[in-house]
Amino acid sequence: MRQLDTDGRRLLGLLSLAVSVGVFTATVPLLRDWFDLRVYYGTVDAWVHHGGRIYDYWVPGTTYGFTYPPFAAVTMLPMALVGLRIAIAVSVVLNLVALAVVVWILVGPALRRYGWYGYALAACLLTLLEPVRDTFSFGQVNLLLLALVLSDAWLLSTGRGRRAGAGIGLAAAIKLTPALFIGLLLLGRRWRAAGVA
């Protein structure tokens, strides 16, 4: 009976939080119309279908264009095979998978202890985090890069460091900022992982 009371209170609290999150997301302007994804998509489309160069493309009516390393454009080439709506859907799915990986690495054991309640609570709280919301609404690659970097950190922390470095190297090839973690590997004397990266 006490378990039922606890589950009932948890469910009531969670429903209240979910309603609050729903009201927040419905009233605060959050959708950025997948602007960054439109930059990636337009760049790849211009490059593949119109003979353009990746750094010459600008979003029509703006001064915004592609600013990532050339390797990032290569990884985004599959977008040239699909329409923009499919590219947006794939972006959302990939970001959800990356977010699940990040959560699993950072707080997976703690969430498993609380079962359905922990996962539902985490989902509500993650919805409120601006970096998470913006990554989805802009169509950015930040969660994917974070998942790659954290995967390497997890490999190193669990003694599986022989494979570490590839995630950081790939993330740095897509966007330069994660290259800072190569320096961190060097400072930590993780020579092999730094070399792989």
N, C-alpha and C. Protein backbone atom coordinates (compact mmCIF):
# COMPACT_ATOMS: atom_id res chain seq x y z
N MET A 1 0.82 -1.19 0.00
CA MET A 1 0.00 0.00 0.00
C MET A 1 0.87 1.27 0.00
N ARG A 2 1.92 1.25 0.80
CA ARG A 2 2.83 2.40 0.85
C ARG A 2 3.50 2.61 -0.50
N GLN A 3 3.86 1.51 -1.21
CA GLN A 3 4.46 1.60 -2.54
C GLN A 3 3.50 2.28 -3.51
N LEU A 4 2.23 1.93 -3.41
CA LEU A 4 1.22 2.54 -4.27
C LEU A 4 1.13 4.04 -4.00
N ASP A 5 1.19 4.43 -2.72
CA ASP A 5 1.17 5.85 -2.40
C ASP A 5 2.37 6.56 -2.99
N THR A 6 3.53 5.95 -2.86
CA THR A 6 4.75 6.55 -3.42
C THR A 6 4.65 6.65 -4.93
N ASP A 7 4.23 5.60 -5.59
CA ASP A 7 4.09 5.64 -7.05
C ASP A 7 3.03 6.66 -7.47
N GLY A 8 1.95 6.72 -6.71
CA GLY A 8 0.90 7.68 -7.02
C GLY A 8 1.38 9.11 -6.88
N ARG A 9 2.12 9.39 -5.83
CA ARG A 9 2.67 10.74 -5.63
C ARG A 9 3.68 11.07 -6.72
N ARG A 10 4.49 10.09 -7.04
CA ARG A 10 5.47 10.32 -8.12
C ARG A 10 4.77 10.63 -9.44
N LEU A 11 3.73 9.85 -9.74
CA LEU A 11 3.00 10.05 -10.98
C LEU A 11 2.33 11.41 -11.00
N LEU A 12 1.73 11.81 -9.89
CA LEU A 12 1.09 13.12 -9.79
C LEU A 12 2.11 14.24 -9.96
N GLY A 13 3.24 14.12 -9.28
CA GLY A 13 4.31 15.12 -9.42
C GLY A 13 4.84 15.18 -10.83
N LEU A 14 5.02 14.01 -11.44
CA LEU A 14 5.53 13.95 -12.81
C LEU A 14 4.54 14.55 -13.80
N LEU A 15 3.25 14.28 -13.61
CA LEU A 15 2.23 14.87 -14.48
C LEU A 15 2.21 16.38 -14.33
N SER A 16 2.37 16.87 -13.12
CA SER A 16 2.43 18.32 -12.90
C SER A 16 3.63 18.93 -13.61
N LEU A 17 4.78 18.26 -13.48
CA LEU A 17 5.98 18.74 -14.16
C LEU A 17 5.80 18.69 -15.67
N ALA A 18 5.23 17.61 -16.18
CA ALA A 18 5.02 17.48 -17.62
C ALA A 18 4.09 18.57 -18.15
N VAL A 19 3.04 18.88 -17.39
CA VAL A 19 2.13 19.96 -17.80
C VAL A 19 2.88 21.30 -17.80
N SER A 20 3.69 21.55 -16.76
CA SER A 20 4.47 22.79 -16.70
C SER A 20 5.44 22.90 -17.87
N VAL A 21 6.11 21.80 -18.18
CA VAL A 21 7.03 21.79 -19.31
C VAL A 21 6.26 22.02 -20.60
N GLY A 22 5.10 21.39 -20.73
CA GLY A 22 4.28 21.58 -21.93
C GLY A 22 3.83 23.02 -22.09
N VAL A 23 3.40 23.66 -20.99
CA VAL A 23 2.99 25.07 -21.04
C VAL A 23 4.18 25.94 -21.41
N PHE A 24 5.33 25.64 -20.82
CA PHE A 24 6.54 26.42 -21.13
C PHE A 24 6.90 26.31 -22.61
N THR A 25 6.95 25.09 -23.12
CA THR A 25 7.35 24.91 -24.53
C THR A 25 6.30 25.46 -25.50
N ALA A 26 5.03 25.52 -25.05
CA ALA A 26 3.98 26.06 -25.92
C ALA A 26 3.96 27.59 -25.93
N THR A 27 4.46 28.22 -24.88
CA THR A 27 4.36 29.68 -24.77
C THR A 27 5.67 30.41 -25.03
N VAL A 28 6.79 29.78 -24.81
CA VAL A 28 8.08 30.42 -25.06
C VAL A 28 8.51 30.10 -26.48
N PRO A 29 8.87 31.12 -27.26
CA PRO A 29 9.27 30.85 -28.65
C PRO A 29 10.58 30.06 -28.69
N LEU A 30 10.48 28.82 -29.09
CA LEU A 30 11.63 27.93 -29.06
C LEU A 30 12.08 27.48 -30.45
N LEU A 31 11.16 27.40 -31.38
CA LEU A 31 11.49 26.84 -32.68
C LEU A 31 12.34 27.82 -33.48
N ARG A 32 13.49 27.37 -33.89
CA ARG A 32 14.41 28.21 -34.67
C ARG A 32 14.38 27.81 -36.15
N ASP A 33 13.35 27.05 -36.52
CA ASP A 33 13.11 26.65 -37.91
C ASP A 33 14.29 25.90 -38.52
N TRP A 34 15.01 25.18 -37.70
CA TRP A 34 16.12 24.35 -38.15
C TRP A 34 17.10 25.16 -39.01
N PHE A 35 17.41 26.36 -38.55
CA PHE A 35 18.23 27.27 -39.35
C PHE A 35 19.60 26.66 -39.69
N ASP A 36 20.31 26.12 -38.70
CA ASP A 36 21.64 25.58 -38.95
C ASP A 36 21.56 24.39 -39.91
N LEU A 37 20.55 23.56 -39.73
CA LEU A 37 20.38 22.42 -40.64
C LEU A 37 20.12 22.91 -42.06
N ARG A 38 19.40 24.02 -42.20
CA ARG A 38 19.16 24.60 -43.53
C ARG A 38 20.48 25.07 -44.16
N VAL A 39 21.40 25.57 -43.32
CA VAL A 39 22.72 25.95 -43.83
C VAL A 39 23.43 24.71 -44.34
N TYR A 40 23.45 23.64 -43.53
CA TYR A 40 24.12 22.41 -43.96
C TYR A 40 23.48 21.87 -45.23
N TYR A 41 22.17 21.82 -45.23
CA TYR A 41 21.43 21.25 -46.37
C TYR A 41 21.67 22.08 -47.63
N GLY A 42 21.56 23.39 -47.51
CA GLY A 42 21.78 24.26 -48.67
C GLY A 42 23.20 24.15 -49.21
N THR A 43 24.16 24.05 -48.31
CA THR A 43 25.56 23.91 -48.71
C THR A 43 25.77 22.64 -49.51
N VAL A 44 25.29 21.53 -48.97
CA VAL A 44 25.47 20.24 -49.64
C VAL A 44 24.71 20.21 -50.96
N ASP A 45 23.49 20.77 -50.96
CA ASP A 45 22.69 20.82 -52.19
C ASP A 45 23.40 21.64 -53.27
N ALA A 46 23.90 22.81 -52.90
CA ALA A 46 24.61 23.65 -53.86
C ALA A 46 25.87 22.98 -54.37
N TRP A 47 26.56 22.28 -53.49
CA TRP A 47 27.81 21.60 -53.85
C TRP A 47 27.55 20.43 -54.80
N VAL A 48 26.59 19.59 -54.46
CA VAL A 48 26.36 18.36 -55.22
C VAL A 48 25.54 18.60 -56.48
N HIS A 49 24.48 19.38 -56.36
CA HIS A 49 23.53 19.51 -57.47
C HIS A 49 23.73 20.74 -58.35
N HIS A 50 24.48 21.71 -57.88
CA HIS A 50 24.61 22.95 -58.66
C HIS A 50 26.06 23.36 -58.90
N GLY A 51 26.99 22.48 -58.59
CA GLY A 51 28.40 22.75 -58.88
C GLY A 51 29.02 23.86 -58.05
N GLY A 52 28.40 24.21 -56.93
CA GLY A 52 28.94 25.27 -56.09
C GLY A 52 30.05 24.76 -55.18
N ARG A 53 30.68 25.68 -54.50
CA ARG A 53 31.68 25.33 -53.50
C ARG A 53 31.10 25.53 -52.12
N ILE A 54 31.56 24.73 -51.17
CA ILE A 54 30.89 24.71 -49.87
C ILE A 54 30.97 26.05 -49.12
N TYR A 55 32.01 26.82 -49.31
CA TYR A 55 32.12 28.06 -48.57
C TYR A 55 31.54 29.26 -49.33
N ASP A 56 31.00 29.02 -50.51
CA ASP A 56 30.37 30.09 -51.28
C ASP A 56 28.88 30.19 -51.01
N TYR A 57 28.29 29.15 -50.44
CA TYR A 57 26.85 29.14 -50.22
C TYR A 57 26.48 30.01 -49.02
N TRP A 58 25.45 30.84 -49.19
CA TRP A 58 24.86 31.60 -48.10
C TRP A 58 23.37 31.33 -48.10
N VAL A 59 22.78 31.27 -46.91
CA VAL A 59 21.34 31.12 -46.82
C VAL A 59 20.72 32.36 -47.47
N PRO A 60 19.79 32.17 -48.40
CA PRO A 60 19.20 33.32 -49.09
C PRO A 60 18.66 34.37 -48.12
N GLY A 61 19.02 35.64 -48.39
CA GLY A 61 18.56 36.75 -47.57
C GLY A 61 19.36 36.97 -46.30
N THR A 62 20.46 36.20 -46.12
CA THR A 62 21.28 36.35 -44.92
C THR A 62 22.75 36.41 -45.32
N THR A 63 23.58 36.61 -44.33
CA THR A 63 25.04 36.56 -44.55
C THR A 63 25.61 35.32 -43.89
N TYR A 64 24.78 34.30 -43.66
CA TYR A 64 25.20 33.08 -42.99
C TYR A 64 25.49 31.98 -44.00
N GLY A 65 26.64 31.36 -43.82
CA GLY A 65 27.02 30.25 -44.67
C GLY A 65 27.72 29.18 -43.87
N PHE A 66 28.26 28.23 -44.56
CA PHE A 66 28.90 27.07 -43.95
C PHE A 66 30.25 27.48 -43.37
N THR A 67 30.50 27.15 -42.09
CA THR A 67 31.74 27.56 -41.44
C THR A 67 32.53 26.38 -40.86
N TYR A 68 32.07 25.16 -41.08
CA TYR A 68 32.73 24.00 -40.52
C TYR A 68 33.86 23.52 -41.44
N PRO A 69 34.73 22.65 -40.93
CA PRO A 69 35.79 22.10 -41.79
C PRO A 69 35.20 21.31 -42.96
N PRO A 70 35.95 21.16 -44.04
CA PRO A 70 35.44 20.43 -45.22
C PRO A 70 34.96 19.02 -44.90
N PHE A 71 35.60 18.35 -43.94
CA PHE A 71 35.18 16.99 -43.60
C PHE A 71 33.73 16.95 -43.14
N ALA A 72 33.29 18.02 -42.47
CA ALA A 72 31.90 18.08 -42.01
C ALA A 72 30.95 18.04 -43.20
N ALA A 73 31.29 18.75 -44.27
CA ALA A 73 30.45 18.72 -45.48
C ALA A 73 30.41 17.32 -46.07
N VAL A 74 31.53 16.61 -46.01
CA VAL A 74 31.56 15.24 -46.52
C VAL A 74 30.63 14.34 -45.70
N THR A 75 30.65 14.50 -44.37
CA THR A 75 29.77 13.68 -43.53
C THR A 75 28.29 14.01 -43.75
N MET A 76 28.02 15.20 -44.25
CA MET A 76 26.64 15.62 -44.49
C MET A 76 26.16 15.33 -45.91
N LEU A 77 27.01 14.74 -46.73
CA LEU A 77 26.65 14.44 -48.10
C LEU A 77 25.36 13.63 -48.26
N PRO A 78 25.02 12.71 -47.37
CA PRO A 78 23.76 11.98 -47.55
C PRO A 78 22.53 12.88 -47.64
N MET A 79 22.63 14.10 -47.13
CA MET A 79 21.49 15.02 -47.24
C MET A 79 21.18 15.36 -48.69
N ALA A 80 22.15 15.23 -49.56
CA ALA A 80 21.92 15.52 -50.98
C ALA A 80 20.98 14.51 -51.62
N LEU A 81 20.76 13.38 -50.95
CA LEU A 81 19.92 12.32 -51.50
C LEU A 81 18.46 12.42 -51.05
N VAL A 82 18.18 13.31 -50.10
CA VAL A 82 16.83 13.38 -49.55
C VAL A 82 16.34 14.83 -49.57
N GLY A 83 15.06 15.00 -49.32
CA GLY A 83 14.48 16.34 -49.21
C GLY A 83 14.77 16.94 -47.85
N LEU A 84 14.50 18.23 -47.72
CA LEU A 84 14.77 18.94 -46.47
C LEU A 84 13.98 18.35 -45.30
N ARG A 85 12.72 18.01 -45.51
CA ARG A 85 11.90 17.47 -44.42
C ARG A 85 12.46 16.14 -43.90
N ILE A 86 12.93 15.31 -44.79
CA ILE A 86 13.54 14.05 -44.35
C ILE A 86 14.84 14.33 -43.61
N ALA A 87 15.61 15.30 -44.10
CA ALA A 87 16.86 15.68 -43.41
C ALA A 87 16.55 16.17 -42.00
N ILE A 88 15.48 16.94 -41.84
CA ILE A 88 15.09 17.43 -40.51
C ILE A 88 14.70 16.25 -39.62
N ALA A 89 13.91 15.32 -40.16
CA ALA A 89 13.48 14.16 -39.37
C ALA A 89 14.69 13.32 -38.95
N VAL A 90 15.62 13.10 -39.85
CA VAL A 90 16.83 12.33 -39.52
C VAL A 90 17.65 13.06 -38.47
N SER A 91 17.73 14.38 -38.58
CA SER A 91 18.46 15.17 -37.59
C SER A 91 17.85 15.00 -36.20
N VAL A 92 16.54 15.05 -36.12
CA VAL A 92 15.86 14.89 -34.83
C VAL A 92 16.14 13.51 -34.25
N VAL A 93 16.05 12.48 -35.08
CA VAL A 93 16.30 11.11 -34.61
C VAL A 93 17.75 10.95 -34.16
N LEU A 94 18.70 11.44 -34.95
CA LEU A 94 20.12 11.33 -34.57
C LEU A 94 20.39 12.08 -33.26
N ASN A 95 19.78 13.25 -33.10
CA ASN A 95 19.98 14.00 -31.86
C ASN A 95 19.35 13.29 -30.67
N LEU A 96 18.21 12.63 -30.86
CA LEU A 96 17.60 11.85 -29.78
C LEU A 96 18.51 10.69 -29.37
N VAL A 97 19.08 10.01 -30.36
CA VAL A 97 20.00 8.91 -30.07
C VAL A 97 21.23 9.43 -29.34
N ALA A 98 21.79 10.54 -29.82
CA ALA A 98 22.96 11.13 -29.17
C ALA A 98 22.64 11.55 -27.74
N LEU A 99 21.46 12.13 -27.53
CA LEU A 99 21.06 12.53 -26.19
C LEU A 99 20.92 11.32 -25.28
N ALA A 100 20.37 10.23 -25.80
CA ALA A 100 20.25 9.00 -25.01
C ALA A 100 21.63 8.47 -24.62
N VAL A 101 22.59 8.53 -25.54
CA VAL A 101 23.96 8.09 -25.24
C VAL A 101 24.57 8.96 -24.15
N VAL A 102 24.41 10.28 -24.28
CA VAL A 102 24.96 11.21 -23.29
C VAL A 102 24.36 10.95 -21.92
N VAL A 103 23.05 10.80 -21.85
CA VAL A 103 22.37 10.56 -20.56
C VAL A 103 22.82 9.22 -19.99
N TRP A 104 22.90 8.20 -20.83
CA TRP A 104 23.33 6.88 -20.36
C TRP A 104 24.73 6.93 -19.77
N ILE A 105 25.65 7.64 -20.44
CA ILE A 105 27.03 7.73 -19.95
C ILE A 105 27.09 8.53 -18.64
N LEU A 106 26.39 9.65 -18.59
CA LEU A 106 26.51 10.54 -17.44
C LEU A 106 25.71 10.10 -16.22
N VAL A 107 24.49 9.66 -16.42
CA VAL A 107 23.64 9.35 -15.27
C VAL A 107 22.85 8.06 -15.43
N GLY A 108 23.26 7.19 -16.34
CA GLY A 108 22.54 5.95 -16.58
C GLY A 108 22.29 5.11 -15.34
N PRO A 109 23.33 4.81 -14.55
CA PRO A 109 23.09 3.99 -13.36
C PRO A 109 22.10 4.63 -12.38
N ALA A 110 22.18 5.93 -12.20
CA ALA A 110 21.25 6.60 -11.28
C ALA A 110 19.82 6.53 -11.80
N LEU A 111 19.65 6.70 -13.10
CA LEU A 111 18.30 6.63 -13.67
C LEU A 111 17.73 5.23 -13.56
N ARG A 112 18.56 4.23 -13.78
CA ARG A 112 18.07 2.85 -13.70
C ARG A 112 17.56 2.52 -12.29
N ARG A 113 18.15 3.13 -11.28
CA ARG A 113 17.69 2.89 -9.91
C ARG A 113 16.26 3.37 -9.69
N TYR A 114 15.87 4.42 -10.43
CA TYR A 114 14.54 4.99 -10.25
C TYR A 114 13.54 4.52 -11.30
N GLY A 115 13.97 3.68 -12.23
CA GLY A 115 13.07 3.09 -13.21
C GLY A 115 12.36 4.12 -14.08
N TRP A 116 11.08 3.85 -14.36
CA TRP A 116 10.29 4.71 -15.25
C TRP A 116 10.26 6.15 -14.76
N TYR A 117 10.22 6.33 -13.44
CA TYR A 117 10.13 7.66 -12.87
C TYR A 117 11.39 8.47 -13.19
N GLY A 118 12.55 7.84 -13.04
CA GLY A 118 13.80 8.53 -13.33
C GLY A 118 13.92 8.94 -14.78
N TYR A 119 13.55 8.03 -15.68
CA TYR A 119 13.63 8.34 -17.11
C TYR A 119 12.65 9.46 -17.50
N ALA A 120 11.42 9.39 -16.97
CA ALA A 120 10.43 10.41 -17.29
C ALA A 120 10.83 11.77 -16.72
N LEU A 121 11.36 11.78 -15.50
CA LEU A 121 11.81 13.02 -14.87
C LEU A 121 12.97 13.62 -15.67
N ALA A 122 13.90 12.77 -16.07
CA ALA A 122 15.04 13.25 -16.86
C ALA A 122 14.57 13.84 -18.19
N ALA A 123 13.59 13.20 -18.84
CA ALA A 123 13.08 13.71 -20.12
C ALA A 123 12.47 15.09 -19.94
N CYS A 124 11.70 15.27 -18.87
CA CYS A 124 11.11 16.60 -18.61
C CYS A 124 12.18 17.65 -18.37
N LEU A 125 13.16 17.31 -17.55
CA LEU A 125 14.21 18.28 -17.22
C LEU A 125 15.08 18.60 -18.43
N LEU A 126 15.38 17.60 -19.25
CA LEU A 126 16.19 17.84 -20.45
C LEU A 126 15.47 18.76 -21.43
N THR A 127 14.15 18.67 -21.47
CA THR A 127 13.36 19.53 -22.34
C THR A 127 13.53 21.00 -21.97
N LEU A 128 13.82 21.26 -20.71
CA LEU A 128 13.96 22.64 -20.25
C LEU A 128 15.36 23.22 -20.48
N LEU A 129 16.34 22.38 -20.74
CA LEU A 129 17.71 22.87 -20.93
C LEU A 129 17.85 23.56 -22.28
N GLU A 130 18.26 24.81 -22.25
CA GLU A 130 18.36 25.58 -23.49
C GLU A 130 19.31 24.96 -24.51
N PRO A 131 20.50 24.48 -24.12
CA PRO A 131 21.38 23.89 -25.14
C PRO A 131 20.74 22.68 -25.84
N VAL A 132 19.97 21.91 -25.09
CA VAL A 132 19.30 20.75 -25.70
C VAL A 132 18.21 21.22 -26.66
N ARG A 133 17.38 22.15 -26.19
CA ARG A 133 16.29 22.68 -27.03
C ARG A 133 16.85 23.32 -28.29
N ASP A 134 17.89 24.13 -28.15
CA ASP A 134 18.43 24.82 -29.31
C ASP A 134 19.09 23.87 -30.29
N THR A 135 19.74 22.83 -29.78
CA THR A 135 20.33 21.86 -30.70
C THR A 135 19.26 21.24 -31.58
N PHE A 136 18.13 20.91 -30.98
CA PHE A 136 17.02 20.35 -31.76
C PHE A 136 16.39 21.38 -32.68
N SER A 137 16.09 22.58 -32.15
CA SER A 137 15.33 23.55 -32.94
C SER A 137 16.16 24.23 -34.03
N PHE A 138 17.46 24.32 -33.85
CA PHE A 138 18.34 24.84 -34.90
C PHE A 138 18.78 23.73 -35.86
N GLY A 139 18.66 22.47 -35.41
CA GLY A 139 19.16 21.37 -36.23
C GLY A 139 20.68 21.29 -36.17
N GLN A 140 21.25 21.54 -35.00
CA GLN A 140 22.70 21.57 -34.86
C GLN A 140 23.27 20.16 -34.64
N VAL A 141 24.59 20.09 -34.60
CA VAL A 141 25.28 18.81 -34.42
C VAL A 141 25.90 18.67 -33.03
N ASN A 142 25.62 19.61 -32.13
CA ASN A 142 26.30 19.64 -30.83
C ASN A 142 26.11 18.38 -30.00
N LEU A 143 24.90 17.84 -29.95
CA LEU A 143 24.68 16.62 -29.16
C LEU A 143 25.43 15.43 -29.76
N LEU A 144 25.51 15.38 -31.07
CA LEU A 144 26.27 14.31 -31.72
C LEU A 144 27.75 14.40 -31.35
N LEU A 145 28.28 15.61 -31.37
CA LEU A 145 29.69 15.80 -31.02
C LEU A 145 29.93 15.47 -29.55
N LEU A 146 29.01 15.89 -28.68
CA LEU A 146 29.13 15.59 -27.26
C LEU A 146 29.12 14.08 -27.03
N ALA A 147 28.26 13.37 -27.73
CA ALA A 147 28.20 11.91 -27.59
C ALA A 147 29.51 11.27 -28.02
N LEU A 148 30.11 11.77 -29.09
CA LEU A 148 31.39 11.22 -29.54
C LEU A 148 32.49 11.45 -28.51
N VAL A 149 32.57 12.67 -27.97
CA VAL A 149 33.61 13.00 -26.99
C VAL A 149 33.39 12.21 -25.70
N LEU A 150 32.16 12.17 -25.23
CA LEU A 150 31.88 11.44 -23.98
C LEU A 150 32.11 9.94 -24.14
N SER A 151 31.86 9.42 -25.32
CA SER A 151 32.12 7.99 -25.55
C SER A 151 33.59 7.68 -25.36
N ASP A 152 34.45 8.56 -25.87
CA ASP A 152 35.89 8.36 -25.65
C ASP A 152 36.25 8.46 -24.17
N ALA A 153 35.68 9.44 -23.49
CA ALA A 153 35.95 9.59 -22.05
C ALA A 153 35.48 8.35 -21.30
N TRP A 154 34.32 7.82 -21.68
CA TRP A 154 33.81 6.61 -21.03
C TRP A 154 34.73 5.42 -21.29
N LEU A 155 35.21 5.29 -22.53
CA LEU A 155 36.14 4.20 -22.85
C LEU A 155 37.40 4.29 -21.98
N LEU A 156 37.92 5.49 -21.84
CA LEU A 156 39.12 5.67 -21.03
C LEU A 156 38.85 5.39 -19.55
N SER A 157 37.70 5.79 -19.05
CA SER A 157 37.39 5.61 -17.63
C SER A 157 37.07 4.17 -17.27
N THR A 158 36.70 3.37 -18.26
CA THR A 158 36.34 1.97 -17.99
C THR A 158 37.45 1.00 -18.36
N GLY A 159 38.61 1.53 -18.71
CA GLY A 159 39.73 0.66 -19.04
C GLY A 159 39.69 0.12 -20.46
N ARG A 160 38.84 0.65 -21.29
CA ARG A 160 38.76 0.23 -22.70
C ARG A 160 39.43 1.26 -23.60
N GLY A 161 40.47 1.88 -23.10
CA GLY A 161 41.12 3.00 -23.77
C GLY A 161 41.80 2.68 -25.08
N ARG A 162 41.93 1.40 -25.41
CA ARG A 162 42.61 1.05 -26.67
C ARG A 162 41.83 1.58 -27.88
N ARG A 163 40.53 1.74 -27.72
CA ARG A 163 39.70 2.25 -28.83
C ARG A 163 39.44 3.75 -28.70
N ALA A 164 39.87 4.35 -27.63
CA ALA A 164 39.57 5.77 -27.38
C ALA A 164 40.36 6.68 -28.32
N GLY A 165 39.77 7.82 -28.60
CA GLY A 165 40.40 8.82 -29.46
C GLY A 165 39.67 9.01 -30.77
N ALA A 166 39.06 7.95 -31.27
CA ALA A 166 38.37 8.04 -32.56
C ALA A 166 37.18 8.99 -32.48
N GLY A 167 36.44 8.95 -31.39
CA GLY A 167 35.28 9.84 -31.24
C GLY A 167 35.70 11.30 -31.20
N ILE A 168 36.73 11.59 -30.43
CA ILE A 168 37.22 12.97 -30.34
C ILE A 168 37.77 13.42 -31.69
N GLY A 169 38.51 12.55 -32.36
CA GLY A 169 39.05 12.90 -33.68
C GLY A 169 37.95 13.18 -34.69
N LEU A 170 36.93 12.34 -34.70
CA LEU A 170 35.82 12.55 -35.62
C LEU A 170 35.07 13.85 -35.28
N ALA A 171 34.84 14.08 -33.99
CA ALA A 171 34.16 15.31 -33.58
C ALA A 171 34.97 16.54 -33.99
N ALA A 172 36.29 16.48 -33.83
CA ALA A 172 37.14 17.62 -34.20
C ALA A 172 37.20 17.82 -35.71
N ALA A 173 37.03 16.74 -36.46
CA ALA A 173 37.02 16.87 -37.92
C ALA A 173 35.73 17.51 -38.42
N ILE A 174 34.67 17.39 -37.62
CA ILE A 174 33.38 17.97 -38.00
C ILE A 174 33.29 19.42 -37.54
N LYS A 175 33.76 19.70 -36.33
CA LYS A 175 33.74 21.05 -35.77
C LYS A 175 35.01 21.22 -34.95
N LEU A 176 35.69 22.32 -35.08
CA LEU A 176 37.02 22.46 -34.51
C LEU A 176 37.06 22.48 -32.98
N THR A 177 36.02 22.94 -32.33
CA THR A 177 36.02 23.07 -30.87
C THR A 177 36.41 21.79 -30.13
N PRO A 178 35.91 20.61 -30.51
CA PRO A 178 36.29 19.38 -29.78
C PRO A 178 37.77 19.04 -29.85
N ALA A 179 38.52 19.71 -30.72
CA ALA A 179 39.97 19.47 -30.79
C ALA A 179 40.64 19.84 -29.46
N LEU A 180 40.00 20.67 -28.65
CA LEU A 180 40.54 20.99 -27.32
C LEU A 180 40.72 19.73 -26.48
N PHE A 181 39.89 18.72 -26.72
CA PHE A 181 39.99 17.50 -25.93
C PHE A 181 41.23 16.68 -26.30
N ILE A 182 41.79 16.92 -27.48
CA ILE A 182 43.05 16.27 -27.83
C ILE A 182 44.14 16.80 -26.90
N GLY A 183 44.11 18.12 -26.66
CA GLY A 183 45.04 18.72 -25.70
C GLY A 183 44.85 18.16 -24.31
N LEU A 184 43.60 17.93 -23.93
CA LEU A 184 43.33 17.34 -22.62
C LEU A 184 43.87 15.92 -22.53
N LEU A 185 43.76 15.16 -23.62
CA LEU A 185 44.35 13.81 -23.63
C LEU A 185 45.86 13.88 -23.47
N LEU A 186 46.48 14.85 -24.12
CA LEU A 186 47.93 15.00 -24.00
C LEU A 186 48.32 15.39 -22.57
N LEU A 187 47.56 16.30 -21.97
CA LEU A 187 47.84 16.69 -20.59
C LEU A 187 47.68 15.51 -19.63
N GLY A 188 46.76 14.63 -19.94
CA GLY A 188 46.53 13.45 -19.10
C GLY A 188 47.44 12.29 -19.47
N ARG A 189 48.37 12.53 -20.38
CA ARG A 189 49.33 11.53 -20.84
C ARG A 189 48.65 10.29 -21.43
N ARG A 190 47.57 10.53 -22.09
CA ARG A 190 46.86 9.47 -22.81
C ARG A 190 47.35 9.52 -24.27
N TRP A 191 48.62 9.12 -24.44
CA TRP A 191 49.31 9.30 -25.72
C TRP A 191 48.62 8.56 -26.86
N ARG A 192 48.24 7.33 -26.60
CA ARG A 192 47.62 6.53 -27.66
C ARG A 192 46.30 7.15 -28.11
N ALA A 193 45.45 7.53 -27.15
CA ALA A 193 44.16 8.12 -27.49
C ALA A 193 44.36 9.45 -28.23
N ALA A 194 45.33 10.25 -27.79
CA ALA A 194 45.62 11.52 -28.47
C ALA A 194 46.08 11.26 -29.89
N GLY A 195 46.92 10.25 -30.08
CA GLY A 195 47.40 9.90 -31.42
C GLY A 195 46.26 9.43 -32.32
N VAL A 196 45.36 8.62 -31.78
CA VAL A 196 44.20 8.16 -32.55
C VAL A 196 43.33 9.34 -32.94
N ALA A 197 43.12 10.25 -31.96
CA ALA A 197 42.29 11.45 -32.24
C ALA A 197 42.94 12.29 -33.31
